[in-house]
Amino acid sequence: MPKVMVIDDEKDVVYLLKVLMEREQFEVMEAFNGLEAYNKLTGPSTNKIIPDVIILDIMMPEMDGYTFQSKLQEIDGLSGIPIIILTAKGQMKDLFENSSNIFAFVEKPFEPRDLVKKVKDAIASKK
């Protein structure tokens, strides 16, 4: 079962994405800011789950999406996870120009079917 990590500080968005992804038979991991997600992926856990794709918001407290993504690129085993940037700020694309792990950009509000397709495409790109 493919695993998707959803990182967004808006609880409603996380819930919507969780329902959307679970309907597609994906296992969903949740985090409400970049720091929480980073700790889940790098913390001392024996049963750590590495997602197949990450859906990442940019503007979040504690650790924003850009910082999270930059830190992830420095870690072997995590740097290759495709990331779908989900943001209300279309102009933020410039920040990620040199990032090899960014698979796609999706602007809020988004079309659920389009996002599901991008997630499936991102998972397929890893094979």
Protein backbone atom coordinates (compact mmCIF):
# COMPACT_ATOMS: atom_id res chain seq x y z
CA MET A 1 0.00 0.00 0.00
CA PRO A 2 1.60 3.32 -1.06
CA LYS A 3 2.29 5.78 1.74
CA VAL A 4 1.57 9.53 1.52
CA MET A 5 2.69 12.09 4.08
CA VAL A 6 0.48 15.19 4.27
CA ILE A 7 2.09 18.27 5.86
CA ASP A 8 -0.15 21.32 6.31
CA ASP A 9 -0.98 23.56 9.25
CA GLU A 10 -4.65 23.77 8.24
CA LYS A 11 -6.41 20.86 9.95
CA ASP A 12 -9.29 20.96 7.44
CA VAL A 13 -6.87 20.57 4.52
CA VAL A 14 -5.09 17.66 6.23
CA TYR A 15 -8.43 15.96 6.91
CA LEU A 16 -9.62 16.47 3.32
CA LEU A 17 -6.35 15.10 1.90
CA LYS A 18 -6.43 12.15 4.30
CA VAL A 19 -9.94 11.19 3.17
CA LEU A 20 -9.01 11.72 -0.48
CA MET A 21 -5.86 9.59 -0.25
CA GLU A 22 -7.43 6.82 1.84
CA ARG A 23 -10.19 6.52 -0.77
CA GLU A 24 -7.39 5.69 -3.22
CA GLN A 25 -6.09 2.98 -0.85
CA PHE A 26 -3.07 5.01 0.28
CA GLU A 27 -1.75 4.88 3.82
CA VAL A 28 -1.65 8.46 5.17
CA MET A 29 0.80 10.00 7.63
CA GLU A 30 -0.08 13.45 8.99
CA ALA A 31 1.97 16.38 10.25
CA PHE A 32 0.80 19.91 11.00
CA ASN A 33 4.10 21.71 10.43
CA GLY A 34 7.52 21.03 8.96
CA LEU A 35 9.19 20.40 12.30
CA GLU A 36 6.67 17.71 13.28
CA ALA A 37 7.10 16.04 9.89
CA TYR A 38 10.89 16.25 10.08
CA ASN A 39 10.89 14.67 13.55
CA LYS A 40 8.60 11.86 12.37
CA LEU A 41 10.94 11.09 9.47
CA THR A 42 14.25 11.43 11.34
CA GLY A 43 13.44 10.69 14.98
CA PRO A 44 14.62 7.62 16.89
CA SER A 45 11.83 5.25 15.96
CA THR A 46 12.33 1.55 15.34
CA ASN A 47 9.21 1.26 13.18
CA LYS A 48 9.78 4.36 11.10
CA ILE A 49 7.60 4.62 8.01
CA ILE A 50 9.10 6.34 4.97
CA PRO A 51 6.44 7.81 2.66
CA ASP A 52 6.40 7.22 -1.08
CA VAL A 53 5.35 10.83 -1.68
CA ILE A 54 4.95 13.99 0.41
CA ILE A 55 2.26 16.64 -0.03
CA LEU A 56 3.78 19.79 1.46
CA ASP A 57 2.36 23.20 2.32
CA ILE A 58 4.79 26.15 2.31
CA MET A 59 3.54 28.67 4.85
CA MET A 60 3.52 26.92 8.25
CA PRO A 61 4.61 27.74 11.80
CA GLU A 62 7.68 26.24 13.51
CA MET A 63 9.29 25.08 10.25
CA ASP A 64 8.04 26.19 6.84
CA GLY A 65 7.83 23.93 3.83
CA TYR A 66 10.90 25.38 2.15
CA THR A 67 13.11 24.73 5.20
CA PHE A 68 11.65 21.22 5.61
CA GLN A 69 12.29 20.39 1.97
CA SER A 70 15.85 21.77 2.12
CA LYS A 71 16.67 19.68 5.21
CA LEU A 72 15.17 16.57 3.60
CA GLN A 73 17.46 16.96 0.57
CA GLU A 74 20.48 16.58 2.84
CA ILE A 75 19.46 13.15 4.19
CA ASP A 76 20.29 9.93 2.35
CA GLY A 77 17.22 7.77 2.06
CA LEU A 78 14.86 10.75 2.29
CA SER A 79 16.23 13.07 -0.40
CA GLY A 80 14.63 11.04 -3.20
CA ILE A 81 11.06 11.20 -1.91
CA PRO A 82 8.99 13.11 -4.49
CA ILE A 83 7.35 16.21 -3.04
CA ILE A 84 4.18 17.86 -4.27
CA ILE A 85 4.08 21.48 -3.16
CA LEU A 86 0.57 22.54 -2.16
CA THR A 87 0.38 26.29 -1.73
CA ALA A 88 -1.77 29.37 -2.03
CA LYS A 89 1.32 31.26 -3.16
CA GLY A 90 2.04 30.54 -6.82
CA GLN A 91 5.07 32.84 -6.82
CA MET A 92 6.90 30.55 -4.35
CA LYS A 93 7.94 28.26 -7.24
CA ASP A 94 11.13 30.29 -7.66
CA LEU A 95 12.39 29.15 -4.25
CA PHE A 96 12.40 25.53 -5.39
CA GLU A 97 14.03 26.02 -8.80
CA ASN A 98 17.15 23.97 -7.97
CA SER A 99 15.39 21.28 -5.93
CA SER A 100 15.59 17.84 -7.47
CA ASN A 101 12.94 16.29 -5.23
CA ILE A 102 10.05 18.60 -6.21
CA PHE A 103 7.66 16.62 -8.40
CA ALA A 104 4.84 19.15 -8.90
CA PHE A 105 3.21 22.36 -7.72
CA VAL A 106 -0.50 22.52 -6.90
CA GLU A 107 -2.16 25.80 -6.00
CA LYS A 108 -4.95 26.07 -3.45
CA PRO A 109 -7.81 25.78 -4.02
CA PHE A 110 -7.08 22.57 -5.89
CA GLU A 111 -9.07 20.07 -7.91
CA PRO A 112 -9.04 16.78 -5.92
CA ARG A 113 -8.85 14.55 -9.03
CA ASP A 114 -5.84 16.48 -10.32
CA LEU A 115 -4.02 16.13 -7.00
CA VAL A 116 -4.73 12.39 -6.83
CA LYS A 117 -3.35 12.00 -10.36
CA LYS A 118 -0.18 13.91 -9.43
CA VAL A 119 0.29 11.70 -6.35
CA LYS A 120 -0.12 8.54 -8.45
CA ASP A 121 2.29 9.91 -11.06
CA ALA A 122 4.83 10.75 -8.35
CA ILE A 123 4.63 7.22 -6.91
CA ALA A 124 4.97 5.72 -10.40
CA SER A 125 8.03 7.89 -11.09
CA LYS A 126 9.91 6.18 -8.22
CA LYS A 127 9.61 2.70 -9.75
